[in-house]
Amino acid sequence: MATQAVLLGAAASCAMAAAGAAWGDSRRTRRHDPDAVGVVDWRTAQVAAIAAALVLGALALRA
């Protein structure tokens, strides 16, 4: 049970990171020069966080 709780917590953290990346990407698209290079590629960060959340969620269901 403890392993499942840890995995679910990690999946929830990844989901929050994906939400933060979505917010960052929406800010990037609304700025004056959306093609200006930024420090973080928000779309890649969002996809990675969603993938990690899905994997951790699946592992939590199997635990």
N, C-alpha and C. Protein backbone atom coordinates (compact mmCIF):
# COMPACT_ATOMS: atom_id res chain seq x y z
N MET A 1 0.82 -1.20 0.00
CA MET A 1 0.00 0.00 0.00
C MET A 1 0.87 1.26 0.00
N ALA A 2 1.98 1.22 0.70
CA ALA A 2 2.83 2.40 0.76
C ALA A 2 3.46 2.70 -0.60
N THR A 3 3.82 1.63 -1.32
CA THR A 3 4.39 1.82 -2.66
C THR A 3 3.38 2.47 -3.59
N GLN A 4 2.13 2.02 -3.49
CA GLN A 4 1.08 2.58 -4.33
C GLN A 4 0.86 4.06 -4.01
N ALA A 5 0.89 4.41 -2.75
CA ALA A 5 0.70 5.81 -2.36
C ALA A 5 1.84 6.68 -2.87
N VAL A 6 3.05 6.17 -2.81
CA VAL A 6 4.20 6.93 -3.31
C VAL A 6 4.09 7.13 -4.81
N LEU A 7 3.71 6.08 -5.54
CA LEU A 7 3.57 6.19 -6.99
C LEU A 7 2.44 7.13 -7.37
N LEU A 8 1.34 7.08 -6.65
CA LEU A 8 0.23 7.99 -6.93
C LEU A 8 0.62 9.44 -6.63
N GLY A 9 1.38 9.64 -5.57
CA GLY A 9 1.87 10.98 -5.26
C GLY A 9 2.80 11.51 -6.33
N ALA A 10 3.67 10.64 -6.83
CA ALA A 10 4.57 11.04 -7.90
C ALA A 10 3.80 11.35 -9.18
N ALA A 11 2.77 10.55 -9.47
CA ALA A 11 1.94 10.80 -10.65
C ALA A 11 1.20 12.13 -10.52
N ALA A 12 0.72 12.43 -9.32
CA ALA A 12 0.03 13.71 -9.10
C ALA A 12 1.01 14.87 -9.25
N SER A 13 2.23 14.69 -8.79
CA SER A 13 3.25 15.74 -8.97
C SER A 13 3.55 15.97 -10.44
N CYS A 14 3.62 14.90 -11.21
CA CYS A 14 3.84 15.04 -12.65
C CYS A 14 2.67 15.74 -13.32
N ALA A 15 1.46 15.44 -12.86
CA ALA A 15 0.28 16.10 -13.43
C ALA A 15 0.31 17.60 -13.13
N MET A 16 0.75 17.96 -11.94
CA MET A 16 0.86 19.38 -11.61
C MET A 16 1.96 20.05 -12.44
N ALA A 17 3.05 19.33 -12.68
CA ALA A 17 4.11 19.87 -13.53
C ALA A 17 3.61 20.08 -14.96
N ALA A 18 2.77 19.16 -15.44
CA ALA A 18 2.18 19.31 -16.78
C ALA A 18 1.26 20.52 -16.83
N ALA A 19 0.50 20.74 -15.76
CA ALA A 19 -0.37 21.92 -15.71
C ALA A 19 0.46 23.20 -15.70
N GLY A 20 1.54 23.21 -14.96
CA GLY A 20 2.42 24.37 -14.95
C GLY A 20 3.06 24.62 -16.31
N ALA A 21 3.42 23.55 -16.99
CA ALA A 21 4.00 23.70 -18.33
C ALA A 21 2.96 24.21 -19.32
N ALA A 22 1.72 23.78 -19.17
CA ALA A 22 0.65 24.30 -20.04
C ALA A 22 0.46 25.79 -19.81
N TRP A 23 0.53 26.21 -18.57
CA TRP A 23 0.41 27.64 -18.25
C TRP A 23 1.58 28.42 -18.85
N GLY A 24 2.78 27.87 -18.73
CA GLY A 24 3.95 28.53 -19.31
C GLY A 24 3.87 28.62 -20.82
N ASP A 25 3.34 27.58 -21.46
CA ASP A 25 3.21 27.61 -22.92
C ASP A 25 2.14 28.61 -23.35
N SER A 26 1.06 28.71 -22.59
CA SER A 26 0.03 29.69 -22.95
C SER A 26 0.55 31.11 -22.79
N ARG A 27 1.39 31.35 -21.80
CA ARG A 27 2.01 32.68 -21.66
C ARG A 27 2.95 32.96 -22.82
N ARG A 28 3.68 31.94 -23.28
CA ARG A 28 4.60 32.12 -24.40
C ARG A 28 3.84 32.48 -25.67
N THR A 29 2.70 31.85 -25.90
CA THR A 29 1.96 32.12 -27.14
C THR A 29 1.29 33.49 -27.12
N ARG A 30 1.05 34.04 -25.93
CA ARG A 30 0.39 35.35 -25.84
C ARG A 30 1.36 36.52 -25.76
N ARG A 31 2.66 36.28 -25.71
CA ARG A 31 3.59 37.40 -25.60
C ARG A 31 3.77 38.10 -26.94
N HIS A 32 4.41 39.23 -26.90
CA HIS A 32 4.54 40.09 -28.08
C HIS A 32 5.27 39.40 -29.22
N ASP A 33 6.34 38.69 -28.92
CA ASP A 33 7.11 37.98 -29.95
C ASP A 33 7.15 36.50 -29.58
N PRO A 34 6.16 35.70 -30.00
CA PRO A 34 6.09 34.30 -29.58
C PRO A 34 7.22 33.44 -30.13
N ASP A 35 7.92 33.90 -31.15
CA ASP A 35 9.02 33.12 -31.71
C ASP A 35 10.36 33.39 -31.03
N ALA A 36 10.38 34.31 -30.09
CA ALA A 36 11.62 34.58 -29.37
C ALA A 36 12.00 33.34 -28.55
N VAL A 37 13.28 33.05 -28.54
CA VAL A 37 13.75 31.86 -27.86
C VAL A 37 13.65 32.06 -26.35
N GLY A 38 13.07 31.09 -25.68
CA GLY A 38 12.97 31.13 -24.23
C GLY A 38 13.93 30.13 -23.61
N VAL A 39 13.95 30.09 -22.29
CA VAL A 39 14.84 29.19 -21.58
C VAL A 39 14.29 27.77 -21.59
N VAL A 40 12.98 27.63 -21.43
CA VAL A 40 12.35 26.32 -21.31
C VAL A 40 11.45 26.08 -22.51
N ASP A 41 11.56 24.89 -23.11
CA ASP A 41 10.63 24.47 -24.15
C ASP A 41 9.41 23.86 -23.45
N TRP A 42 8.37 24.66 -23.27
CA TRP A 42 7.24 24.27 -22.44
C TRP A 42 6.46 23.09 -23.01
N ARG A 43 6.37 22.99 -24.31
CA ARG A 43 5.62 21.86 -24.90
C ARG A 43 6.32 20.54 -24.64
N THR A 44 7.64 20.52 -24.76
CA THR A 44 8.38 19.30 -24.48
C THR A 44 8.29 18.94 -23.00
N ALA A 45 8.37 19.94 -22.14
CA ALA A 45 8.24 19.69 -20.70
C ALA A 45 6.86 19.14 -20.37
N GLN A 46 5.83 19.66 -21.04
CA GLN A 46 4.47 19.19 -20.78
C GLN A 46 4.29 17.74 -21.24
N VAL A 47 4.79 17.42 -22.42
CA VAL A 47 4.67 16.05 -22.93
C VAL A 47 5.42 15.07 -22.03
N ALA A 48 6.61 15.45 -21.58
CA ALA A 48 7.38 14.58 -20.70
C ALA A 48 6.66 14.37 -19.37
N ALA A 49 6.07 15.42 -18.82
CA ALA A 49 5.36 15.30 -17.55
C ALA A 49 4.11 14.45 -17.69
N ILE A 50 3.39 14.60 -18.80
CA ILE A 50 2.20 13.77 -19.02
C ILE A 50 2.59 12.31 -19.18
N ALA A 51 3.65 12.04 -19.94
CA ALA A 51 4.10 10.66 -20.12
C ALA A 51 4.52 10.04 -18.79
N ALA A 52 5.24 10.79 -17.98
CA ALA A 52 5.67 10.28 -16.68
C ALA A 52 4.47 10.03 -15.77
N ALA A 53 3.48 10.92 -15.80
CA ALA A 53 2.28 10.73 -14.98
C ALA A 53 1.52 9.48 -15.40
N LEU A 54 1.43 9.24 -16.70
CA LEU A 54 0.74 8.04 -17.18
C LEU A 54 1.47 6.76 -16.77
N VAL A 55 2.78 6.77 -16.91
CA VAL A 55 3.56 5.59 -16.53
C VAL A 55 3.46 5.34 -15.03
N LEU A 56 3.63 6.38 -14.23
CA LEU A 56 3.56 6.21 -12.78
C LEU A 56 2.15 5.82 -12.33
N GLY A 57 1.13 6.37 -12.98
CA GLY A 57 -0.24 5.97 -12.66
C GLY A 57 -0.50 4.52 -12.98
N ALA A 58 0.00 4.05 -14.11
CA ALA A 58 -0.16 2.64 -14.47
C ALA A 58 0.58 1.73 -13.49
N LEU A 59 1.78 2.14 -13.10
CA LEU A 59 2.53 1.35 -12.11
C LEU A 59 1.82 1.33 -10.76
N ALA A 60 1.18 2.44 -10.40
CA ALA A 60 0.46 2.50 -9.12
C ALA A 60 -0.75 1.57 -9.14
N LEU A 61 -1.40 1.47 -10.28
CA LEU A 61 -2.55 0.57 -10.37
C LEU A 61 -2.14 -0.90 -10.29
N ARG A 62 -0.94 -1.20 -10.76
CA ARG A 62 -0.45 -2.58 -10.70
C ARG A 62 0.13 -2.92 -9.32
N ALA A 63 0.50 -1.94 -8.55
CA ALA A 63 1.13 -2.19 -7.24
C ALA A 63 0.10 -2.65 -6.22
